[in-house]
Protein backbone atom coordinates (compact mmCIF):
# COMPACT_ATOMS: atom_id res chain seq x y z
CA MET A 1 39.49 88.45 -80.55
CA GLN A 2 36.93 90.37 -82.57
CA ILE A 3 36.65 90.41 -86.33
CA SER A 4 35.55 93.01 -88.83
CA VAL A 5 33.48 92.00 -91.80
CA ASP A 6 31.21 94.40 -93.61
CA ASN A 7 29.23 94.39 -96.84
CA ARG A 8 32.24 95.34 -98.94
CA VAL A 9 34.03 92.15 -97.95
CA ILE A 10 30.94 90.03 -98.61
CA ASP A 11 30.12 91.76 -101.91
CA ARG A 12 33.64 91.29 -103.19
CA ARG A 13 33.77 87.62 -102.28
CA ILE A 14 30.32 86.88 -103.75
CA ALA A 15 31.44 88.46 -107.04
CA GLU A 16 34.60 86.34 -107.04
CA LEU A 17 32.75 83.12 -106.28
CA CYS A 18 30.06 83.75 -108.91
CA GLN A 19 32.61 84.80 -111.51
CA ASP A 20 34.58 81.60 -110.97
CA TRP A 21 31.54 79.34 -110.98
CA MET A 22 29.48 80.86 -113.78
CA HIS A 23 32.26 81.33 -116.29
CA ASP A 24 33.59 77.81 -115.93
CA ASN A 25 31.94 75.85 -118.75
CA GLY A 26 33.81 72.67 -117.92
CA ARG A 27 34.62 70.37 -120.81
CA ASN A 28 31.73 71.34 -123.08
CA ALA A 29 32.26 74.02 -125.71
CA VAL A 30 29.43 76.43 -126.51
CA GLN A 31 28.59 77.10 -130.15
CA VAL A 32 29.31 80.71 -131.09
CA ASP A 33 25.68 81.61 -131.93
CA LEU A 34 24.53 80.40 -128.51
CA GLN A 35 27.20 82.21 -126.50
CA PRO A 36 25.39 85.61 -126.32
CA SER A 37 22.42 84.17 -124.42
CA LEU A 38 24.69 82.33 -122.00
CA ASN A 39 26.83 85.42 -121.50
CA ALA A 40 23.71 87.50 -120.84
CA VAL A 41 22.63 85.06 -118.13
CA PHE A 42 26.09 85.01 -116.57
CA ASP A 43 26.34 88.79 -116.59
CA GLU A 44 22.86 89.14 -115.09
CA GLY A 45 23.87 86.66 -112.40
CA LEU A 46 26.69 88.95 -111.32
CA LYS A 47 24.40 92.00 -111.38
CA ALA A 48 21.57 90.25 -109.53
CA ASN A 49 23.98 89.24 -106.77
CA ALA A 50 25.24 92.78 -106.30
CA GLY A 51 23.86 94.92 -103.51
CA GLY A 52 21.48 93.91 -100.79
CA LYS A 53 21.87 94.29 -97.04
CA ARG A 54 23.72 90.95 -96.65
CA LEU A 55 21.80 90.28 -93.45
CA ARG A 56 21.96 86.51 -93.83
CA ALA A 57 25.71 86.39 -94.33
CA LEU A 58 26.32 88.80 -91.47
CA LEU A 59 24.10 86.73 -89.17
CA ALA A 60 25.92 83.49 -90.01
CA LEU A 61 29.28 85.17 -89.35
CA ALA A 62 28.02 86.78 -86.13
CA ALA A 63 26.74 83.43 -84.84
CA PHE A 64 30.03 81.75 -85.73
CA HIS A 65 32.06 84.42 -83.99
CA ALA A 66 29.81 84.67 -80.93
CA TYR A 67 30.28 80.98 -80.18
CA ARG A 68 33.87 80.58 -81.39
CA ALA A 69 35.07 83.57 -79.36
CA ASP A 70 34.05 81.72 -76.18
CA ASP A 71 35.56 78.39 -77.31
CA PRO A 72 38.98 77.76 -75.73
CA SER A 73 39.88 75.72 -78.81
CA GLU A 74 39.37 78.70 -81.14
CA ASN A 75 43.11 79.04 -81.72
CA ARG A 76 43.19 75.89 -83.85
CA GLN A 77 44.11 77.26 -87.25
CA ASP A 78 44.67 75.63 -90.61
CA PRO A 79 46.75 78.10 -92.69
CA ASP A 80 45.19 76.80 -95.91
CA CYS A 81 41.69 77.59 -94.67
CA ARG A 82 42.21 81.07 -93.31
CA ALA A 83 42.25 84.48 -94.93
CA LYS A 84 42.93 87.97 -93.65
CA VAL A 85 39.92 90.26 -93.87
CA GLN A 86 41.11 93.82 -93.33
CA GLU A 87 38.66 96.72 -93.44
CA HIS A 88 39.02 100.23 -92.11
CA ALA A 89 35.38 100.49 -91.13
CA ALA A 90 34.05 98.55 -88.19
CA GLY A 91 31.86 95.59 -89.04
CA PRO A 92 28.73 94.36 -87.27
CA PHE A 93 30.63 92.63 -84.50
CA GLY A 94 31.68 95.76 -82.63
CA VAL A 95 35.31 96.31 -83.63
CA ASN A 96 36.45 99.66 -82.29
CA ASP A 97 39.19 101.92 -83.60
CA GLY A 98 42.58 100.65 -82.50
CA GLU A 99 41.56 97.02 -82.05
CA THR A 100 43.41 94.29 -83.87
CA VAL A 101 41.47 92.61 -86.64
CA ASP A 102 41.89 88.84 -86.46
CA ALA A 103 42.03 86.37 -89.30
CA ILE A 104 38.76 84.59 -89.96
CA PRO A 105 38.19 81.30 -91.76
CA GLN A 106 37.88 81.93 -95.48
CA ALA A 107 35.63 78.87 -95.53
CA MET A 108 33.16 80.49 -93.11
CA LEU A 109 33.05 83.62 -95.23
CA ASP A 110 32.38 81.47 -98.30
CA LEU A 111 29.65 79.54 -96.49
CA ALA A 112 28.00 82.83 -95.51
CA CYS A 113 28.27 84.03 -99.12
CA ALA A 114 26.66 80.79 -100.32
CA ILE A 115 23.55 81.68 -98.30
CA GLU A 116 23.41 85.08 -100.00
CA ILE A 117 23.81 83.54 -103.44
CA TYR A 118 20.99 81.13 -102.70
CA GLN A 119 18.85 84.07 -101.63
CA THR A 120 19.44 85.70 -105.00
CA SER A 121 18.29 82.54 -106.75
CA ALA A 122 15.12 82.50 -104.65
CA LEU A 123 14.44 86.20 -105.33
CA ILE A 124 14.76 85.68 -109.09
CA HIS A 125 12.17 82.91 -108.97
CA ASP A 126 9.98 84.92 -106.59
CA ASP A 127 9.99 87.92 -108.94
CA ILE A 128 8.91 85.69 -111.82
CA ILE A 129 6.04 84.24 -109.79
CA ASP A 130 4.91 87.68 -108.59
CA ASP A 131 5.70 89.36 -111.93
CA SER A 132 7.65 92.00 -109.99
CA PRO A 133 9.38 94.45 -112.34
CA ARG A 134 11.99 95.77 -109.87
CA ARG A 135 14.43 94.33 -107.37
CA ARG A 136 17.09 96.14 -105.34
CA GLY A 137 16.46 99.36 -107.24
CA ARG A 138 16.93 97.84 -110.71
CA ALA A 139 15.00 95.75 -113.21
CA SER A 140 14.22 92.21 -112.05
CA ALA A 141 16.17 89.46 -113.81
CA HIS A 142 13.31 88.29 -116.03
CA VAL A 143 12.76 91.89 -117.18
CA ALA A 144 16.47 92.61 -117.68
CA LEU A 145 16.92 89.44 -119.74
CA SER A 146 14.01 90.17 -122.10
CA ARG A 147 15.00 91.01 -125.66
CA LYS A 148 13.36 92.67 -128.65
CA ASN A 149 12.50 90.30 -131.50
CA ALA A 150 12.58 87.37 -129.05
CA PRO A 151 9.67 85.23 -127.82
CA ASP A 152 7.54 86.76 -125.06
CA ASN A 153 8.77 84.20 -122.53
CA PHE A 154 12.45 84.62 -123.48
CA GLY A 155 13.43 86.69 -120.43
CA THR A 156 11.36 84.54 -118.09
CA GLY A 157 12.94 81.36 -119.41
CA LEU A 158 16.47 82.70 -119.04
CA ALA A 159 15.70 83.99 -115.55
CA LEU A 160 14.36 80.60 -114.50
CA MET A 161 17.60 79.01 -115.63
CA LEU A 162 19.64 81.70 -113.90
CA GLY A 163 17.80 81.05 -110.64
CA ASN A 164 18.53 77.34 -111.00
CA MET A 165 22.19 78.01 -111.80
CA LEU A 166 22.64 80.20 -108.73
CA ALA A 167 20.94 77.63 -106.48
CA THR A 168 23.35 74.98 -107.80
CA ALA A 169 26.27 77.38 -107.43
CA SER A 170 25.35 78.08 -103.80
CA ALA A 171 25.31 74.35 -103.01
CA ASP A 172 28.68 73.80 -104.70
CA ILE A 173 30.24 76.76 -102.88
CA ALA A 174 28.85 75.54 -99.55
CA LEU A 175 30.19 72.04 -100.18
CA LYS A 176 33.69 73.31 -100.92
CA ALA A 177 33.62 75.61 -97.89
CA LEU A 178 32.55 72.79 -95.58
CA GLU A 179 35.43 70.61 -96.75
CA CYS A 180 37.74 72.90 -94.77
CA PRO A 181 38.72 71.32 -91.42
CA GLU A 182 38.45 74.76 -89.80
CA LEU A 183 34.66 74.35 -89.82
CA GLN A 184 33.09 71.83 -87.49
CA HIS A 185 30.28 69.32 -88.15
CA SER A 186 30.62 69.71 -91.92
CA GLU A 187 28.47 66.76 -92.96
CA ILE A 188 25.59 67.87 -90.75
CA ASN A 189 25.96 71.46 -91.94
CA LEU A 190 25.78 70.38 -95.58
CA HIS A 191 22.53 68.60 -94.75
CA THR A 192 21.33 71.80 -93.04
CA PHE A 193 22.11 73.78 -96.18
CA PHE A 194 20.04 71.45 -98.34
CA GLN A 195 17.22 71.38 -95.78
CA MET A 196 17.22 75.18 -95.97
CA GLN A 197 16.63 74.99 -99.72
CA ARG A 198 13.92 72.37 -99.27
CA ALA A 199 12.13 74.56 -96.72
CA VAL A 200 12.10 77.52 -99.11
CA GLU A 201 10.72 75.35 -101.91
CA ILE A 202 7.94 74.14 -99.62
CA GLY A 203 7.38 77.69 -98.37
CA GLN A 204 6.97 79.06 -101.88
CA THR A 205 4.47 76.31 -102.64
CA LEU A 206 2.53 77.16 -99.48
CA ASP A 207 2.68 80.85 -100.39
CA LEU A 208 0.92 80.13 -103.66
CA GLY A 209 -1.62 78.03 -101.80
CA ALA A 210 -2.31 80.87 -99.37
CA GLU A 211 -3.48 83.01 -102.28
CA THR A 212 -6.41 80.61 -102.78
CA ILE A 213 -7.83 81.17 -99.27
CA SER A 214 -11.04 83.15 -99.43
CA LEU A 215 -10.83 86.70 -98.12
CA GLU A 216 -13.96 85.98 -96.11
CA ARG A 217 -11.83 83.63 -93.97
CA SER A 218 -9.48 86.22 -92.48
CA ASN A 219 -8.55 84.14 -89.40
CA GLU A 220 -7.43 81.26 -91.60
CA LEU A 221 -5.56 83.68 -93.85
CA ILE A 222 -3.57 85.04 -90.89
CA ALA A 223 -2.66 81.55 -89.68
CA ALA A 224 -1.69 80.43 -93.19
CA SER A 225 0.42 83.54 -93.85
CA LEU A 226 2.36 83.17 -90.59
CA ASN A 227 2.96 79.52 -91.45
CA VAL A 228 4.31 80.56 -94.87
CA PHE A 229 6.64 83.06 -93.18
CA ALA A 230 8.09 80.27 -91.03
CA TRP A 231 8.75 78.02 -94.03
CA LYS A 232 9.64 80.47 -96.75
CA THR A 233 11.30 83.38 -94.95
CA ALA A 234 12.57 82.37 -91.52
CA SER A 235 14.04 79.10 -92.81
CA TYR A 236 16.78 80.72 -94.91
CA THR A 237 16.77 84.27 -93.61
CA THR A 238 17.46 83.64 -89.93
CA ILE A 239 17.24 80.00 -88.82
CA ALA A 240 19.71 78.46 -91.30
CA PRO A 241 22.32 81.25 -91.03
CA LEU A 242 22.26 80.91 -87.24
CA GLU A 243 22.42 77.12 -87.29
CA LEU A 244 25.20 77.02 -89.91
CA GLY A 245 27.28 79.59 -88.02
CA LEU A 246 26.83 78.06 -84.56
CA CYS A 247 27.37 74.51 -85.73
CA ALA A 248 30.43 75.39 -87.85
CA ALA A 249 31.89 77.11 -84.78
CA GLY A 250 31.60 73.86 -82.81
CA MET A 251 28.27 74.03 -81.00
CA PRO A 252 26.79 70.50 -80.73
CA PRO A 253 24.44 70.03 -83.71
CA GLN A 254 21.28 69.36 -81.71
CA THR A 255 21.92 72.39 -79.53
CA ALA A 256 22.67 74.54 -82.58
CA HIS A 257 19.46 73.38 -84.25
CA ARG A 258 17.33 74.16 -81.19
CA THR A 259 19.06 77.49 -80.52
CA ALA A 260 18.76 78.64 -84.14
CA HIS A 261 15.08 77.76 -84.17
CA ASP A 262 14.35 79.54 -80.88
CA ILE A 263 16.10 82.72 -82.03
CA GLY A 264 15.48 82.58 -85.75
CA LEU A 265 11.81 81.65 -86.00
CA PRO A 266 10.40 84.74 -84.24
CA LEU A 267 13.06 86.94 -85.83
CA GLY A 268 12.33 85.62 -89.33
CA VAL A 269 8.59 86.04 -88.97
CA ALA A 270 9.08 89.54 -87.56
CA PHE A 271 11.37 90.34 -90.47
CA GLN A 272 8.71 89.35 -93.01
CA LEU A 273 5.98 91.19 -91.14
CA ALA A 274 8.22 94.27 -91.09
CA ASP A 275 8.92 93.90 -94.80
CA ASP A 276 5.20 93.74 -95.54
CA LEU A 277 4.59 96.72 -93.27
CA LEU A 278 7.30 98.80 -94.93
CA ASP A 279 5.55 98.11 -98.23
CA VAL A 280 2.75 100.20 -96.75
CA ILE A 281 4.49 102.80 -94.58
CA GLY A 282 7.94 102.96 -96.20
CA THR A 283 9.28 104.72 -99.28
CA SER A 284 10.60 103.47 -102.61
CA LYS A 285 14.03 104.79 -101.61
CA SER A 286 14.09 102.79 -98.37
CA THR A 287 12.74 99.53 -99.80
CA GLY A 288 14.01 99.55 -103.40
CA LYS A 289 10.48 98.63 -104.51
CA PRO A 290 7.36 100.69 -105.27
CA VAL A 291 5.30 101.48 -102.16
CA GLY A 292 2.11 99.44 -102.18
CA GLY A 293 3.64 96.80 -104.41
CA ASP A 294 1.96 93.96 -102.53
CA ILE A 295 -1.38 95.70 -102.88
CA ARG A 296 -0.85 96.26 -106.59
CA GLU A 297 -0.04 92.55 -106.97
CA GLY A 298 -3.18 91.65 -105.01
CA LYS A 299 -1.13 89.69 -102.47
CA HIS A 300 -3.06 88.26 -99.52
CA THR A 301 -0.99 89.55 -96.59
CA VAL A 302 -1.46 89.49 -92.83
CA LEU A 303 -2.03 93.24 -93.02
CA LEU A 304 -4.95 92.66 -95.36
CA ALA A 305 -6.42 89.99 -93.08
CA ASP A 306 -6.11 92.25 -90.03
CA ALA A 307 -7.81 95.07 -91.90
CA LEU A 308 -10.64 92.78 -93.02
CA GLN A 309 -11.26 91.88 -89.38
CA SER A 310 -11.26 95.49 -88.21
CA VAL A 311 -13.16 97.55 -90.77
CA ASP A 312 -16.93 97.92 -91.07
CA GLU A 313 -18.92 95.91 -93.60
CA THR A 314 -18.82 98.61 -96.27
CA ASN A 315 -15.05 98.93 -96.18
CA ARG A 316 -14.66 95.16 -95.93
CA ASN A 317 -16.63 94.76 -99.13
CA THR A 318 -14.52 97.49 -100.72
CA LEU A 319 -11.29 95.66 -99.83
CA ILE A 320 -12.59 92.34 -101.11
CA ARG A 321 -13.78 93.92 -104.35
CA ILE A 322 -10.43 95.65 -104.97
CA TYR A 323 -8.42 92.50 -104.27
CA ARG A 324 -10.63 90.32 -106.46
CA GLN A 325 -9.93 92.50 -109.48
CA SER A 326 -7.21 91.45 -111.91
CA THR A 327 -5.48 94.84 -111.52
CA ARG A 328 -5.59 97.75 -109.09
CA SER A 329 -5.35 101.41 -110.05
CA ASP A 330 -3.21 104.01 -108.27
CA ALA A 331 -6.34 105.40 -106.62
CA GLU A 332 -7.36 101.96 -105.39
CA VAL A 333 -3.89 101.32 -103.99
CA GLN A 334 -4.09 104.60 -102.08
CA ASN A 335 -7.56 103.67 -100.84
CA VAL A 336 -6.26 100.36 -99.47
CA LEU A 337 -3.27 102.08 -97.86
CA GLY A 338 -5.65 104.41 -96.07
CA LEU A 339 -7.85 101.55 -94.85
CA PHE A 340 -4.82 99.66 -93.53
CA ALA A 341 -3.96 102.68 -91.39
CA SER A 342 -7.47 103.68 -90.28
CA SER A 343 -8.51 100.08 -89.44
CA GLY A 344 -5.65 99.66 -86.98
CA ALA A 345 -4.04 96.90 -89.07
CA VAL A 346 -0.75 98.82 -89.12
CA ASP A 347 -0.75 99.12 -85.33
CA ILE A 348 -1.59 95.43 -84.92
CA SER A 349 1.37 94.55 -87.13
CA ARG A 350 3.68 96.80 -85.14
CA LYS A 351 2.68 95.01 -81.93
CA ARG A 352 3.25 91.58 -83.47
CA ILE A 353 6.73 92.62 -84.57
CA ARG A 354 7.62 94.00 -81.12
CA ASP A 355 6.39 90.84 -79.40
CA LEU A 356 8.39 88.60 -81.74
CA TRP A 357 11.49 90.75 -81.21
CA GLN A 358 11.12 90.26 -77.46
CA GLN A 359 11.02 86.48 -78.01
CA THR A 360 14.22 86.70 -80.05
CA GLN A 361 16.01 88.69 -77.37
CA CYS A 362 14.89 86.25 -74.70
CA ALA A 363 16.20 83.29 -76.71
CA ILE A 364 19.58 84.98 -77.25
CA GLY A 365 19.84 85.51 -73.51
CA LYS A 366 19.62 81.75 -72.95
CA ILE A 367 22.66 80.87 -75.11
CA ASP A 368 25.61 79.61 -73.07
CA ILE A 369 28.04 82.28 -74.26
CA SER A 370 29.47 85.44 -72.73
CA SER A 371 27.35 88.54 -72.26
CA LYS A 372 29.60 90.24 -74.81
CA GLY A 373 28.81 87.52 -77.35
CA GLN A 374 25.10 87.80 -76.61
CA ALA A 375 25.23 91.56 -77.08
CA ALA A 376 27.03 91.26 -80.42
CA LEU A 377 24.54 88.67 -81.66
CA THR A 378 21.63 90.82 -80.48
CA ASP A 379 23.02 93.80 -82.38
CA CYS A 380 23.26 91.73 -85.55
CA CYS A 381 19.71 90.37 -85.17
CA ALA A 382 18.45 93.92 -84.60
CA ARG A 383 19.51 94.76 -88.15
CA PHE A 384 16.64 92.66 -89.46
CA ILE A 385 14.00 95.04 -88.10
CA ASP A 386 13.95 98.81 -88.44
CA ASP A 387 14.54 100.73 -85.21
CA GLU A 388 11.07 102.25 -85.29
CA LEU A 389 9.43 98.81 -85.44
CA ARG A 390 11.31 97.10 -82.58
């Protein structure tokens, strides 16, 4: 039987989980003069977790349902571990008007939410590293937490702690969810959750290292960037949600690991390539971030490397000069945007994304589930890449 879960369900549950976790101080009292800073961090944690496309949670739930729906043992139910999720609007799994909405494991919803909460922690740290002022259409956490008459690093320090708190919260929420007997292979899945975090930590380290590669070595820059995408983005954006969902549904762990990797690696890399491309061809309204933000930050992207390989020597020197500067003006950002388009770098990126999407579709077609389950999972994966880029 199909289920209906949309962003409203996920948003509501994330808020509940964060509220419970962040406002539980345990046995230690907080001195009254220190409470405002802690409250500010807690409140920002709730705000930072709000919004977003919830792609990771939806993918974990779609993978769980796609495999569980074909499992003859799916009717095993533990009343203490299940919760009714009723929504009028159809969710990503194809519920049509008039269909009955089944109960889904509350624990699986919580596990999916834990992935989203971890993503928020990673974004907070990422924005600090990149000094990004905006996230999801609002001030980044380190900007929002800054205060007048406070040290210059006050907001950054609080945001660092908030990111750590949310990462810890995500692990605690995942642990509690996996204690529910409704979810299979819990011990292995907990290890998968921690390996996901480890991969992102390594990926962020590699991302910083990629910025040290000389712009004269464009081939090496492309290879390094794609490697970073695999570690930093695909690991927690697509691979882990798929593996957690499939394994929790009962797929043998080794099979779930291989399947998640085959589907999730090309999808995750395509997702990051698409995100970088939308930074160039999108709008602030569609991305929630200023267009050309990566250029303004001087980030060494695959788009940049492709452009460096395609332009003439004069324009190559222009790109290198602009990126070696400490800052880039509006005019220089527009100049780079134009060179990305005229060099063919945008078209090269589009082709890479399409090829990776084909690999993802092929991998989904090899899963031993019904064609209906494959179609539902394909539809969910398609959400990661804009229609015009697939």
